[in-house]
Amino acid sequence: MQFEKGCKGSELSYLCTLRFDEIEEASGPIPGVVKKLLKEFEDVMPDELPRKLPPKRALDHEIELVRGTKPPARAPYRMTQPELVELRKQLKDMLESGIIKPAKSPYGASVLFKKKADGSLRMYCDYRALNKITVKNKYPIPLVADWFDRLNQAKYFTKIDLRSGYWQVRIKEGDEAKTTVVTRCGAFEFLVMSFGLTNAPATFCTLMNQVLHGFLDEFVVVYLDDIVIYSRTLAEHVEHLRQVLARLHEYELYAKVSKCSFAQETISFLGHIVERGRIQMDPNKVQAIEEWQPLSDVHDLRSFLDLVNYYRRFVKDYSKIARPMTDLLKKTEA
């Protein structure tokens, strides 16, 4: 994608020019009629989120606390020098983007980093203490298995990944202080929904169900910030895609085009490969299971069972095969 910075009144705007060669290299050839449609909705696929807060919605993220509880506060975790460098960089970026602001609050969650597969560092907010006293939202998260029959009937698929989806949802006014994180660089509160908040998935599912109302189970399935559009014919698919892009534009929601696939006959979705009436395990997940190191403790056992249990529908007599491990896990947790 190419972007040019333009000026509209006193605001900066980013003009997007889609580079279809880059998109097709990542996901496969795109029919010309779909390319034409995507150019109509370039504003839905910017290179970065607009440097302003998301619009206020009825579904801004609320943090309701159990009555009588006290604000939890923790001291900052110790960090290595590379982690401190990354912390300063990410805080600077989030401040400039309006995602956070300096805070003076009785609340305080610590920040920690975990190394990603590519060696870079991912920042996490440790909201465990806050989550413990948060009233839980029991909104049901969709079951992947419920979608298989619908996807099996389709020939064309588009997968849309929202860019930093949680950051496209505001924190309800008055609840911002509860998200405060404490660091060596000071205390900061989130103005948008932060990763790690216990009810964040429920809030996002509720929002997506509202945004895509009328499309769900007709030609759309959605899991958090992943949207899949499915159709029997290309003509149907173009119309379905148009309706979804128009709805995203209406609600000011933005996609990350590098993680999207448009009008493909095969897509990868939630660890599965979907292709014209067939749904199978993602080969990369199969390889991960085959190459899993010998289990050394309860944590390893639980992690392994979580992964293989996700694919139990593909394994004949799964319960019988897994019983020795599940029995062992029950004993250790008794």
Foldseek 3Di string as FASTA:
>chain_A
DDWDWDDDPPDIDIDDDDDVVLLCVQFHDDDPLLVVLCVVLVVQADQDAQLDAADDDPLFAEWAFAPPDDADADDEDDDDPVVVVVVVVVVVVCVRSVFKDADDAPHAWYKDWDADPVRDIDIDTACVVSQVGTDEDPQDFDDPVVCLVVLLQFQWKKKWFFDVLQRNHFHPPPCQRSQWYQDPVHIMTGGTGHPPRRHSQVSQVVVVCVLCPPPPPPFWDDGRRMIMGTHHDPVVQSVSVSVSSVSCVVSVTHTHSNPMHGTDQWDDDPQWIRHNNDIGGDVVLVVCLVPPDDDDDLVSLVVSCVSVVSVVVVDPPSCVVCVVSVVVNVVVVD
